[in-house]
Structure formats: C-alpha cells, structure tokens
Protein backbone atom coordinates (compact mmCIF):
# COMPACT_ATOMS: atom_id res chain seq x y z
CA MET A 1 67.83 65.67 12.23
CA GLU A 2 68.88 62.52 14.11
CA ARG A 3 67.58 60.98 17.30
CA PHE A 4 69.92 59.45 19.88
CA GLU A 5 70.09 58.73 23.60
CA GLU A 6 72.70 59.93 26.08
CA HIS A 7 72.75 59.13 29.80
CA GLY A 8 69.18 57.89 29.36
CA LEU A 9 68.06 61.26 27.96
CA PRO A 10 66.29 61.42 24.57
CA CYS A 11 68.30 63.79 22.40
CA LEU A 12 68.27 65.26 18.91
CA ARG A 13 71.15 66.17 16.61
CA TRP A 14 71.21 68.70 13.77
CA ARG A 15 73.95 69.21 11.18
CA ALA A 16 74.27 72.55 9.40
CA GLY A 17 77.38 72.66 7.26
CA ALA A 18 80.39 72.54 9.55
CA SER A 19 78.25 72.86 12.69
CA THR A 20 76.63 70.10 14.72
CA PHE A 21 74.06 70.98 17.40
CA GLU A 22 72.84 68.51 20.04
CA ALA A 23 69.97 69.12 22.44
CA CYS A 24 67.58 67.45 24.85
CA PRO A 25 64.34 69.32 24.10
CA THR A 26 62.23 67.46 26.68
CA ARG A 27 64.49 68.16 29.68
CA GLY A 28 65.01 71.84 30.23
CA ALA A 29 64.88 72.44 26.45
CA ARG A 30 68.63 72.14 26.98
CA LEU A 31 71.02 72.84 24.16
CA MET A 32 73.96 70.63 25.08
CA ARG A 33 76.60 70.97 22.39
CA TRP A 34 77.63 73.09 19.48
CA ARG A 35 80.53 71.47 17.65
CA LEU A 36 82.42 72.88 14.68
CA ASP A 37 84.31 70.52 12.35
CA LEU A 38 86.88 72.27 10.19
CA PRO A 39 89.88 71.11 8.14
CA SER A 40 92.05 72.44 10.97
CA GLY A 41 90.25 70.27 13.53
CA ARG A 42 87.25 70.07 15.81
CA ARG A 43 86.13 72.91 18.06
CA GLU A 44 83.60 72.59 20.87
CA VAL A 45 81.92 76.00 20.94
CA LEU A 46 79.84 75.05 24.00
CA HIS A 47 81.21 72.99 26.86
CA TRP A 48 79.35 69.81 27.83
CA PRO A 49 80.80 67.44 30.45
CA SER A 50 81.39 63.79 29.54
CA GLU A 51 80.15 62.61 32.95
CA LEU A 52 76.93 63.89 34.51
CA ASP A 53 73.93 62.92 36.62
CA PRO A 54 70.84 63.15 34.41
CA ALA A 55 68.66 63.28 37.52
CA ALA A 56 70.33 66.58 38.50
CA LEU A 57 70.35 68.31 35.14
CA ALA A 58 69.85 71.75 36.71
CA THR A 59 73.33 71.57 38.24
CA VAL A 60 75.14 70.33 35.11
CA ARG A 61 77.78 72.85 34.04
CA GLY A 62 77.34 72.92 30.31
CA GLY A 63 75.31 73.84 27.25
CA ASN A 64 72.72 76.57 27.70
CA PRO A 65 70.38 76.29 30.70
CA ILE A 66 67.17 78.32 30.24
CA LEU A 67 66.43 80.68 33.13
CA PHE A 68 62.68 81.30 33.65
CA PRO A 69 60.56 83.00 34.93
CA PHE A 70 63.32 84.96 36.66
CA MET A 71 67.07 84.54 36.60
CA GLY A 72 69.54 84.79 39.47
CA ARG A 73 68.45 84.93 43.09
CA THR A 74 65.15 86.46 44.20
CA TYR A 75 64.36 87.80 47.68
CA ALA A 76 61.22 88.62 49.64
CA ASP A 77 61.85 90.83 52.66
CA GLY A 78 65.37 89.45 52.85
CA GLU A 79 64.35 85.81 52.41
CA LYS A 80 66.40 84.25 49.62
CA PHE A 81 64.78 82.15 46.90
CA ALA A 82 61.41 83.78 47.43
CA TRP A 83 59.50 86.62 45.81
CA LYS A 84 56.32 88.63 46.25
CA ASP A 85 53.75 88.52 43.50
CA PRO A 86 51.91 91.73 42.47
CA GLU A 87 49.24 91.03 45.11
CA GLY A 88 51.90 90.85 47.83
CA ALA A 89 51.79 87.08 48.39
CA ARG A 90 55.14 85.51 49.28
CA ARG A 91 56.06 82.66 46.96
CA PRO A 92 59.06 80.33 46.57
CA MET A 93 61.35 80.73 43.57
CA PRO A 94 64.35 78.44 42.91
CA HIS A 95 67.68 79.90 41.89
CA HIS A 96 67.38 80.77 38.18
CA GLY A 97 63.74 79.67 38.18
CA PHE A 98 62.38 76.22 37.41
CA ALA A 99 62.73 75.73 33.64
CA ARG A 100 66.37 74.65 33.36
CA ASP A 101 65.61 71.06 34.39
CA GLY A 102 61.84 71.09 33.81
CA ALA A 103 59.82 68.69 31.69
CA PHE A 104 59.05 70.06 28.24
CA ASP A 105 56.84 68.78 25.45
CA LEU A 106 58.43 68.77 22.02
CA ILE A 107 55.81 70.52 19.90
CA GLU A 108 57.82 71.05 16.74
CA ALA A 109 61.03 69.61 15.31
CA SER A 110 62.46 70.19 11.85
CA GLY A 111 65.72 70.04 10.01
CA ALA A 112 66.53 73.53 11.26
CA GLY A 113 65.58 73.48 14.95
CA PHE A 114 62.86 72.80 17.50
CA VAL A 115 60.17 74.30 19.70
CA ALA A 116 59.49 72.93 23.19
CA GLU A 117 56.85 73.97 25.73
CA LEU A 118 57.28 73.74 29.49
CA ARG A 119 54.98 71.39 31.39
CA PRO A 120 54.68 73.04 34.85
CA THR A 121 54.56 70.93 38.01
CA GLU A 122 52.52 71.67 41.12
CA ALA A 123 55.67 73.17 42.67
CA ASP A 124 56.13 75.37 39.60
CA ARG A 125 52.52 76.58 39.86
CA ALA A 126 53.05 77.40 43.54
CA ALA A 127 56.06 79.53 42.57
CA TYR A 128 54.46 81.13 39.51
CA PRO A 129 50.67 80.93 39.87
CA TYR A 130 49.61 81.95 36.38
CA ALA A 131 47.94 80.18 33.51
CA HIS A 132 50.60 80.47 30.85
CA ALA A 133 52.57 78.69 28.15
CA PHE A 134 56.35 79.09 28.10
CA ARG A 135 58.07 78.01 24.90
CA VAL A 136 61.71 77.78 23.82
CA ARG A 137 62.50 77.99 20.12
CA TYR A 138 65.92 77.19 18.63
CA ASP A 139 66.88 77.93 15.03
CA PHE A 140 70.19 76.47 13.87
CA HIS A 141 72.40 77.72 11.04
CA GLU A 142 75.92 76.82 9.99
CA LEU A 143 77.70 79.54 11.94
CA ARG A 144 75.01 80.84 14.25
CA LEU A 145 72.03 79.97 16.37
CA ARG A 146 69.00 81.96 17.41
CA VAL A 147 67.01 81.19 20.54
CA THR A 148 63.65 82.78 21.27
CA LEU A 149 61.79 82.60 24.58
CA GLU A 150 58.03 83.04 24.34
CA LEU A 151 55.55 83.61 27.16
CA GLU A 152 51.86 83.31 26.38
CA ASN A 153 49.65 84.85 29.06
CA ARG A 154 46.37 82.96 29.46
CA GLU A 155 45.25 85.06 32.41
CA ALA A 156 42.89 88.04 32.56
CA VAL A 157 45.64 90.11 34.25
CA ARG A 158 49.16 90.97 33.15
CA ILE A 159 51.97 88.73 34.40
CA PRO A 160 55.71 89.42 35.05
CA TRP A 161 58.79 87.72 33.66
CA CYS A 162 62.51 88.34 33.39
CA PRO A 163 64.24 85.33 31.78
CA GLY A 164 67.79 84.72 30.63
CA HIS A 165 70.41 82.33 29.28
CA HIS A 166 73.44 80.68 30.88
CA PHE A 167 75.74 79.80 27.94
CA TYR A 168 78.77 77.73 28.96
CA PHE A 169 81.34 78.61 26.30
CA THR A 170 84.44 76.45 25.97
CA LEU A 171 87.44 78.54 26.99
CA PRO A 172 90.20 78.31 25.98
CA TRP A 173 89.46 76.67 22.64
CA HIS A 174 93.02 76.63 21.28
CA LYS A 175 95.70 74.27 22.51
CA GLY A 176 98.47 76.07 24.31
CA LEU A 177 96.42 79.20 25.09
CA ARG A 178 95.10 80.31 28.45
CA ARG A 179 92.25 82.53 29.60
CA GLY A 180 94.48 85.57 29.54
CA ASP A 181 94.94 85.08 25.79
CA TYR A 182 91.24 85.82 25.20
CA ARG A 183 89.50 89.15 25.62
CA LEU A 184 85.88 90.23 26.06
CA ALA A 185 84.74 93.43 24.34
CA ILE A 186 81.46 94.64 25.84
CA PRO A 187 79.86 98.05 25.17
CA ALA A 188 78.57 98.63 28.70
CA ARG A 189 78.31 101.92 30.59
CA LYS A 190 77.66 100.39 34.01
CA ALA A 191 78.58 97.33 36.04
CA TRP A 192 76.95 95.86 39.13
CA ARG A 193 77.34 93.22 41.79
CA HIS A 194 74.44 91.28 43.32
CA ALA A 195 74.90 91.48 47.09
CA ALA A 196 74.10 88.68 49.51
CA ASP A 197 71.01 90.58 50.71
CA GLY A 198 69.61 90.88 47.18
CA LYS A 199 70.57 94.49 46.54
CA LEU A 200 72.31 95.70 43.39
CA VAL A 201 75.62 97.35 44.25
CA PRO A 202 77.53 99.50 41.74
CA PHE A 203 80.82 97.86 40.77
CA ALA A 204 82.98 100.95 40.56
CA GLU A 205 86.11 99.07 39.45
CA MET A 206 84.34 97.91 36.27
CA LYS A 207 82.25 100.99 35.47
CA GLY A 208 82.96 102.05 31.90
CA VAL A 209 85.31 99.11 31.26
CA THR A 210 84.66 97.97 27.71
CA GLU A 211 87.36 95.31 27.33
CA ALA A 212 88.95 92.78 29.67
CA THR A 213 90.80 89.49 29.41
CA PHE A 214 89.20 86.38 30.84
CA ASP A 215 91.83 85.97 33.54
CA ASP A 216 90.66 89.26 35.08
CA PRO A 217 89.10 88.32 38.46
CA ARG A 218 86.72 91.26 38.18
CA LEU A 219 84.75 89.32 35.55
CA LEU A 220 83.54 86.83 38.16
CA ASP A 221 79.85 87.52 38.84
CA CYS A 222 79.98 90.84 37.02
CA LEU A 223 76.66 92.23 35.78
CA PHE A 224 77.09 94.57 32.80
CA ALA A 225 74.24 96.97 31.97
CA GLY A 226 73.61 100.16 30.05
CA LEU A 227 74.64 98.46 26.82
CA ARG A 228 75.48 100.93 24.04
CA SER A 229 74.89 98.23 21.45
CA SER A 230 73.11 94.90 21.30
CA GLU A 231 76.31 93.27 20.03
CA LEU A 232 79.26 92.11 22.08
CA ARG A 233 82.09 89.80 21.14
CA PHE A 234 84.90 87.79 22.65
CA GLY A 235 87.76 85.71 21.40
CA PRO A 236 91.54 85.62 20.97
CA ARG A 237 93.49 88.85 21.33
CA SER A 238 94.21 88.66 17.58
CA GLY A 239 90.56 89.46 16.89
CA GLU A 240 90.10 86.29 14.83
CA GLU A 241 87.54 83.55 15.51
CA ASP A 242 85.37 85.80 17.67
CA ILE A 243 82.06 84.74 19.16
CA LEU A 244 79.39 87.40 18.67
CA ILE A 245 76.31 87.68 20.90
CA ARG A 246 73.30 89.81 19.98
CA VAL A 247 71.08 90.68 22.93
CA GLY A 248 67.43 91.21 22.00
CA GLU A 249 65.97 92.67 18.82
CA GLU A 250 66.75 96.38 19.16
CA PRO A 251 70.06 98.02 18.12
CA ILE A 252 70.34 99.37 21.67
CA PRO A 253 68.84 97.10 24.36
CA ASP A 254 66.77 98.22 27.30
CA GLU A 255 68.74 100.14 29.95
CA TRP A 256 68.59 97.17 32.32
CA ALA A 257 69.27 94.38 29.85
CA MET A 258 72.35 92.62 31.18
CA VAL A 259 75.27 90.44 30.20
CA VAL A 260 76.64 88.44 33.11
CA THR A 261 80.12 86.88 33.22
CA TRP A 262 80.93 83.94 35.48
CA THR A 263 83.00 80.79 35.83
CA GLU A 264 83.29 78.18 38.54
CA ALA A 265 87.06 77.97 39.11
CA PRO A 266 90.35 79.08 37.53
CA GLU A 267 90.82 75.66 35.96
CA SER A 268 87.24 75.25 34.67
CA PRO A 269 87.15 74.51 30.91
CA PHE A 270 84.40 77.08 30.37
CA PHE A 271 83.48 80.70 30.91
CA CYS A 272 79.84 81.81 30.94
CA VAL A 273 78.73 84.88 29.02
CA GLU A 274 75.02 85.21 29.75
CA PRO A 275 72.40 87.48 28.12
CA TRP A 276 69.69 88.38 30.65
CA MET A 277 66.52 90.37 30.09
CA GLY A 278 67.11 92.33 33.28
CA ALA A 279 68.75 92.35 36.69
CA PRO A 280 68.58 89.58 39.30
CA ASN A 281 65.84 90.00 41.91
CA SER A 282 63.80 91.94 39.35
CA PRO A 283 60.40 91.26 41.03
CA THR A 284 61.60 93.36 43.99
CA HIS A 285 63.21 96.37 42.29
CA GLY A 286 61.65 96.12 38.82
CA LYS A 287 64.88 96.76 36.91
CA GLY A 288 64.43 94.93 33.62
CA LEU A 289 61.20 93.24 34.71
CA ARG A 290 58.68 93.02 31.87
CA TRP A 291 54.96 92.37 31.79
CA VAL A 292 52.86 90.36 29.38
CA GLU A 293 49.39 91.73 28.89
CA PRO A 294 46.27 89.54 29.26
CA ARG A 295 45.77 87.00 26.46
CA ALA A 296 48.96 88.25 24.77
CA THR A 297 52.26 86.58 23.89
CA ALA A 298 55.67 88.22 24.38
CA ALA A 299 58.99 87.06 22.99
CA TRP A 300 62.66 87.75 23.68
CA SER A 301 65.46 86.56 21.42
CA CYS A 302 69.21 86.44 21.25
CA GLU A 303 71.71 85.17 18.71
CA VAL A 304 75.14 83.61 19.03
CA ALA A 305 77.32 83.65 15.92
CA LEU A 306 80.87 82.75 14.98
CA ALA A 307 82.45 85.85 13.47
C-alpha cells in the first residue's frame, strides 16, 4: 500500500498482480481507479477524469461513488429530494444521498484494502436522524474487487436504508472500437423508468430484454429488476475480456434488487452499470427498502471481476 496526494486529496494505492487500485478513503470512501497492466498494454477498467474540482467531488464523473442512505431521487408528496421518515416527518435527502462526497474516517488499511466510516454532518443528521455507523469496506484482488456496505443501527428502533453503487466503467476500452461493439448481458425479467414525479413506470420496450449493445438508447436510465441470477456481464461482442458483476450474496437477488445503466452523453468515455439494493424513491413505495433492527448491523456486498 502506498500513500500519495492528488488534487490536494489524500489517496492510497494498492497493487495486486497486474491490477492497481487507487482510492481516497476519507472523501466519499471513493474508489477512483482500477488499472490493469498487461503485456499487451494498459487498460483503465474504471474511468477517472484527469481534471476535476476536489471541492465538488459528488459531481465528479468517475470511479465508484457510494450512494447512501438511499440512491436516486426521493420524493415526499411530490417534493423532489425529500422523504418521509417512518413517523411521517418530512426530511431533505440529496440526490443519491450524502455519502458520495462525505467525510470518512479511515479505520483500517492493509495491503489488501480498507475500511472507512462516515462522519455525518449536521445536515446529514437532519436528513437521516438516526444514531448509526455507516462503513465501506473494499477488498482488492488481482482480477476482482469486493465492496461491502455496512450499517450499524445504534437506535432502539429499526431504521431504513437502500444503498447502491455508481461504477463508471471505461467504455470503449479497445482502440478502434465503439459502444456498439460491446454488449451487456443481463438476466432481468422486468425493466422500469423513474418518472419525473417519482413513480416507477414499466419500460415495456425493455421488458424481458436480456442482451443489448451499449449504443442502444434504451439503456439510458434503464432500471433492470427481477434478476434471474446475481451475475451479469458485459464486454466485447466476441465474449472475451468480459466484466462480471455479482449483485449481493444470494444466487438470485431480491425481486427489487436493481442494475441501472446510464451515461452522460454519446461521446462520454464511460458507461455506468450500477448495482442498487432496490428501486429509487424506496422510502415512499418500499420496493427494495430494507430495515436494520435495533442494535444490529446489516451488510450488502457486490463484486466486480474481470472474466
């Protein structure tokens, strides 16, 4: 493990065989880069921009932002970026929650990864008024990584959460290829859109679609659910050099576990494939929302591997 500084941010670097991982554990517990060095050349598995504003880390398009306590947009009686707690109190909630640029304490660092714990602000406590500890754990291996989100409930009542990830994968990763040369294979039975009023709307055009190329405009803001398997993969049409994502611990995830696909523009050098615990706006409709019992700790994991 090596320490270095980038854009004024304290960062750590791990080397595991051909893989190099770089992260800023104390700002958003943000994994920034995953680089693969092979005899054939260097491959950036995750996109990370060369120029960025470290003061606005939440808006940086790259790495893996952590989405907590809820991902996506929440609504309270039609008001965006708000939610109602179990007692009916209306509370603010930023887009994707408040962890992705939050201050974290590095509580463990080793040659194989790190654990960081969120240090909530007064604004965070106003949005999520529970005594809790939220931790992000990364374990790095040569051709895969595992990330575990842990929520420790220090209250005498159960508390809700529905977190997720926002992986920015480099795409395309071969010179001379375009998005249409890569395909996503996803074992989903259903697809949804998140409407501007917060409702989930069935996406009939993508229902039952299990494979699409990344130039397919239907993949923009598509929410896949009803996963038949915890494993999905994407990569070149040849089937070589795939990226494999495992969602959760069970062979078949919860009915409302989701994988979300998104990119910013046709020319963006990335495409996001995002494992989410549940659906956006989960505090309102409950689809995928989970509860942590009093004085208990819950965890949710996913893996990304190079196949």
